[in-house]
C-alpha atoms as a PDB file:
ATOM      1  CA  LYS A   1       0.036   0.018  -0.092  1.00  0.00           C
ATOM      2  CA  GLN A   2       2.916   2.449   0.701  1.00  0.00           C
ATOM      3  CA  TRP A   3       4.245   1.916  -2.768  1.00  0.00           C
ATOM      4  CA  TYR A   4       0.783   2.624  -4.306  1.00  0.00           C
ATOM      5  CA  GLN A   5       0.494   5.835  -2.172  1.00  0.00           C
ATOM      6  CA  ARG A   6       4.009   7.027  -3.137  1.00  0.00           C
ATOM      7  CA  ARG A   7       3.165   6.340  -6.804  1.00  0.00           C
ATOM      8  CA  VAL A   8       0.040   8.458  -6.449  1.00  0.00           C
ATOM      9  CA  ARG A   9       1.932  11.323  -4.898  1.00  0.00           C
ATOM     10  CA  ALA A  10       4.427  11.144  -7.693  1.00  0.00           C
ATOM     11  CA  SER A  11       1.786  11.446 -10.374  1.00  0.00           C
ATOM     12  CA  SER A  12       1.007  14.743 -11.940  1.00  0.00           C
ATOM     13  CA  GLY A  13      -1.256  15.680  -8.986  1.00  0.00           C
ATOM     14  CA  ASP A  14      -4.610  14.513 -10.204  1.00  0.00           C
ATOM     15  CA  GLY A  15      -4.482  11.445  -7.997  1.00  0.00           C
ATOM     16  CA  LYS A  16      -4.677   8.972 -10.843  1.00  0.00           C
ATOM     17  CA  ILE A  17      -1.842   6.346 -10.948  1.00  0.00           C
ATOM     18  CA  GLY A  18      -1.832   6.307 -14.779  1.00  0.00           C
ATOM     19  CA  SER A  19      -1.188   9.941 -15.020  1.00  0.00           C
ATOM     20  CA  HIS A  20       2.602   9.887 -14.640  1.00  0.00           C
ATOM     21  CA  SER A  21       4.370  10.244 -17.996  1.00  0.00           C
ATOM     22  CA  PRO A  22       8.075   9.685 -18.358  1.00  0.00           C
ATOM     23  CA  ARG A  23      10.177  12.216 -20.152  1.00  0.00           C
ATOM     24  CA  ILE A  24      11.087  11.166 -23.687  1.00  0.00           C
ATOM     25  CA  SER A  25      14.496   9.955 -23.649  1.00  0.00           C
ATOM     26  CA  ASP A  26      17.251   9.472 -26.287  1.00  0.00           C
ATOM     27  CA  GLU A  27      16.590   5.620 -26.250  1.00  0.00           C
ATOM     28  CA  VAL A  28      12.983   5.982 -27.410  1.00  0.00           C
ATOM     29  CA  THR A  29      13.040   6.242 -31.189  1.00  0.00           C
ATOM     30  CA  ALA A  30      10.359   5.773 -33.887  1.00  0.00           C
ATOM     31  CA  LYS A  31      10.934   2.152 -33.591  1.00  0.00           C
ATOM     32  CA  PRO A  32      11.482   1.340 -29.851  1.00  0.00           C
ATOM     33  CA  THR A  33      12.667  -2.062 -28.959  1.00  0.00           C
ATOM     34  CA  LEU A  34      11.466  -4.076 -25.854  1.00  0.00           C
ATOM     35  CA  GLN A  35      14.980  -3.504 -24.405  1.00  0.00           C
ATOM     36  CA  SER A  36      14.867   0.208 -24.837  1.00  0.00           C
ATOM     37  CA  VAL A  37      11.342   0.420 -23.307  1.00  0.00           C
ATOM     38  CA  THR A  38      12.515  -1.782 -20.469  1.00  0.00           C
ATOM     39  CA  ALA A  39      15.498   0.507 -19.881  1.00  0.00           C
ATOM     40  CA  MET A  40      13.303   3.562 -20.029  1.00  0.00           C
ATOM     41  CA  TRP A  41      10.929   2.349 -17.464  1.00  0.00           C
ATOM     42  CA  ARG A  42      13.793   1.070 -15.233  1.00  0.00           C
ATOM     43  CA  ARG A  43      15.291   4.427 -15.201  1.00  0.00           C
ATOM     44  CA  PHE A  44      11.923   6.185 -14.623  1.00  0.00           C
ATOM     45  CA  SER A  45      11.452   3.887 -11.551  1.00  0.00           C
ATOM     46  CA  GLU A  46      15.019   4.477 -10.348  1.00  0.00           C
ATOM     47  CA  GLU A  47      14.399   8.289 -10.482  1.00  0.00           C
ATOM     48  CA  ARG A  48      11.397   7.785  -8.174  1.00  0.00           C
ATOM     49  CA  ASP A  49      12.998   5.217  -5.832  1.00  0.00           C
ATOM     50  CA  TRP A  50      10.479   2.559  -6.704  1.00  0.00           C
ATOM     51  CA  LEU A  51      12.842  -0.309  -7.420  1.00  0.00           C
ATOM     52  CA  ARG A  52      12.766  -1.712  -4.030  1.00  0.00           C
ATOM     53  CA  GLU A  53       9.003  -1.870  -4.199  1.00  0.00           C
ATOM     54  CA  HIS A  54       9.015  -3.534  -7.510  1.00  0.00           C
ATOM     55  CA  THR A  55       8.404  -7.102  -6.417  1.00  0.00           C
ATOM     56  CA  PRO A  56       6.666  -9.651  -8.753  1.00  0.00           C
ATOM     57  CA  ARG A  57       3.702  -9.424  -6.367  1.00  0.00           C
ATOM     58  CA  ASN A  58       3.434  -5.501  -6.397  1.00  0.00           C
ATOM     59  CA  LEU A  59       3.957  -5.470 -10.269  1.00  0.00           C
ATOM     60  CA  THR A  60       1.415  -8.042 -10.747  1.00  0.00           C
ATOM     61  CA  LEU A  61      -1.119  -6.162  -8.678  1.00  0.00           C
ATOM     62  CA  ASP A  62      -0.015  -2.986 -10.528  1.00  0.00           C
ATOM     63  CA  LEU A  63      -0.682  -4.787 -13.920  1.00  0.00           C
ATOM     64  CA  PHE A  64      -4.025  -5.986 -12.780  1.00  0.00           C
ATOM     65  CA  GLY A  65      -5.159  -2.384 -11.818  1.00  0.00           C
ATOM     66  CA  GLU A  66      -3.735  -1.067 -15.152  1.00  0.00           C
ATOM     67  CA  VAL A  67      -5.862  -3.697 -16.981  1.00  0.00           C
ATOM     68  CA  GLY A  68      -8.876  -2.642 -15.078  1.00  0.00           C
ATOM     69  CA  GLU A  69      -8.214   0.905 -16.251  1.00  0.00           C
ATOM     70  CA  VAL A  70      -8.146  -0.363 -19.856  1.00  0.00           C
ATOM     71  CA  ILE A  71     -11.462  -2.056 -19.375  1.00  0.00           C
ATOM     72  CA  GLU A  72     -13.041   1.220 -17.904  1.00  0.00           C
ATOM     73  CA  VAL A  73     -11.814   3.221 -20.909  1.00  0.00           C
ATOM     74  CA  VAL A  74     -13.106   0.622 -23.425  1.00  0.00           C
ATOM     75  CA  LEU A  75     -16.544   0.028 -21.782  1.00  0.00           C
ATOM     76  CA  GLU A  76     -17.123   3.699 -21.262  1.00  0.00           C
ATOM     77  CA  GLY A  77     -15.937   4.702 -24.750  1.00  0.00           C
ATOM     78  CA  ARG A  78     -13.660   7.450 -23.238  1.00  0.00           C
ATOM     79  CA  GLY A  79     -11.539   7.815 -26.351  1.00  0.00           C
ATOM     80  CA  ASP A  80      -8.417   6.488 -28.102  1.00  0.00           C
ATOM     81  CA  GLU A  81      -5.961   8.856 -26.617  1.00  0.00           C
ATOM     82  CA  LEU A  82      -6.773   7.672 -23.142  1.00  0.00           C
ATOM     83  CA  LEU A  83      -6.792   4.049 -24.175  1.00  0.00           C
ATOM     84  CA  GLY A  84      -3.325   4.569 -25.485  1.00  0.00           C
ATOM     85  CA  GLU A  85      -2.139   5.885 -22.268  1.00  0.00           C
ATOM     86  CA  GLU A  86      -3.742   3.069 -20.279  1.00  0.00           C
ATOM     87  CA  LEU A  87      -2.202   0.373 -22.677  1.00  0.00           C
ATOM     88  CA  SER A  88       1.181   2.137 -22.312  1.00  0.00           C
ATOM     89  CA  ASP A  89       0.738   1.773 -18.567  1.00  0.00           C
ATOM     90  CA  CYS A  90       0.068  -1.954 -19.033  1.00  0.00           C
ATOM     91  CA  LEU A  91       3.242  -2.264 -21.233  1.00  0.00           C
ATOM     92  CA  ALA A  92       5.234  -0.548 -18.558  1.00  0.00           C
ATOM     93  CA  SER A  93       3.953  -2.890 -15.861  1.00  0.00           C
ATOM     94  CA  SER A  94       4.626  -5.878 -18.067  1.00  0.00           C
ATOM     95  CA  VAL A  95       8.153  -4.917 -19.002  1.00  0.00           C
ATOM     96  CA  ARG A  96       9.048  -4.159 -15.367  1.00  0.00           C
ATOM     97  CA  LEU A  97       7.481  -7.474 -14.191  1.00  0.00           C
ATOM     98  CA  ALA A  98       9.260  -9.386 -16.965  1.00  0.00           C
ATOM     99  CA  GLU A  99      12.688  -7.746 -15.926  1.00  0.00           C
ATOM    100  CA  VAL A 100      12.228  -8.374 -12.288  1.00  0.00           C
ATOM    101  CA  CYS A 101      11.412 -12.056 -12.913  1.00  0.00           C
ATOM    102  CA  GLY A 102      14.315 -12.403 -15.346  1.00  0.00           C
ATOM    103  CA  ILE A 103      12.113 -13.034 -18.389  1.00  0.00           C
ATOM    104  CA  ASN A 104      13.338 -12.250 -21.787  1.00  0.00           C
ATOM    105  CA  LEU A 105      10.235 -10.850 -23.530  1.00  0.00           C
ATOM    106  CA  THR A 106      11.892 -10.769 -26.972  1.00  0.00           C
ATOM    107  CA  ALA A 107      12.604 -14.608 -26.639  1.00  0.00           C
ATOM    108  CA  ALA A 108       9.211 -15.232 -25.173  1.00  0.00           C
ATOM    109  CA  ILE A 109       7.551 -13.341 -28.246  1.00  0.00           C
ATOM    110  CA  ASN A 110       9.816 -15.033 -30.765  1.00  0.00           C
ATOM    111  CA  HIS A 111       8.665 -18.474 -29.284  1.00  0.00           C
ATOM    112  CA  TYR A 112       5.309 -17.782 -30.967  1.00  0.00           C
ATOM    113  CA  PHE A 113       6.754 -16.555 -34.314  1.00  0.00           C
ATOM    114  CA  PRO A 114       9.697 -18.885 -35.195  1.00  0.00           C
ATOM    115  CA  GLN A 115      11.765 -17.736 -38.120  1.00  0.00           C
END
């Protein structure tokens, strides 16, 4: 719960967890890779001192909450821009969870699409 409260306080001030937006970094290009997105979110988390709170349990709960926000946006028809933001939050939670658990997402994805 403390991690959640810190995250809300670190948001832009409207109290929504999903309202935090990382600064665009040099590693994000027109064609970002999973590695660059993972590195960007790790740095974003480091800057806010969240790494110690990023346990598999906490990140799974965060992902669950973000998926709930996607469901709300879709069911209420609140617009594509907001849907994109919420899906981005799901991606952020997913790449952090994968990194913390030692999962190579690129290899996992390639498993479904053998060359």
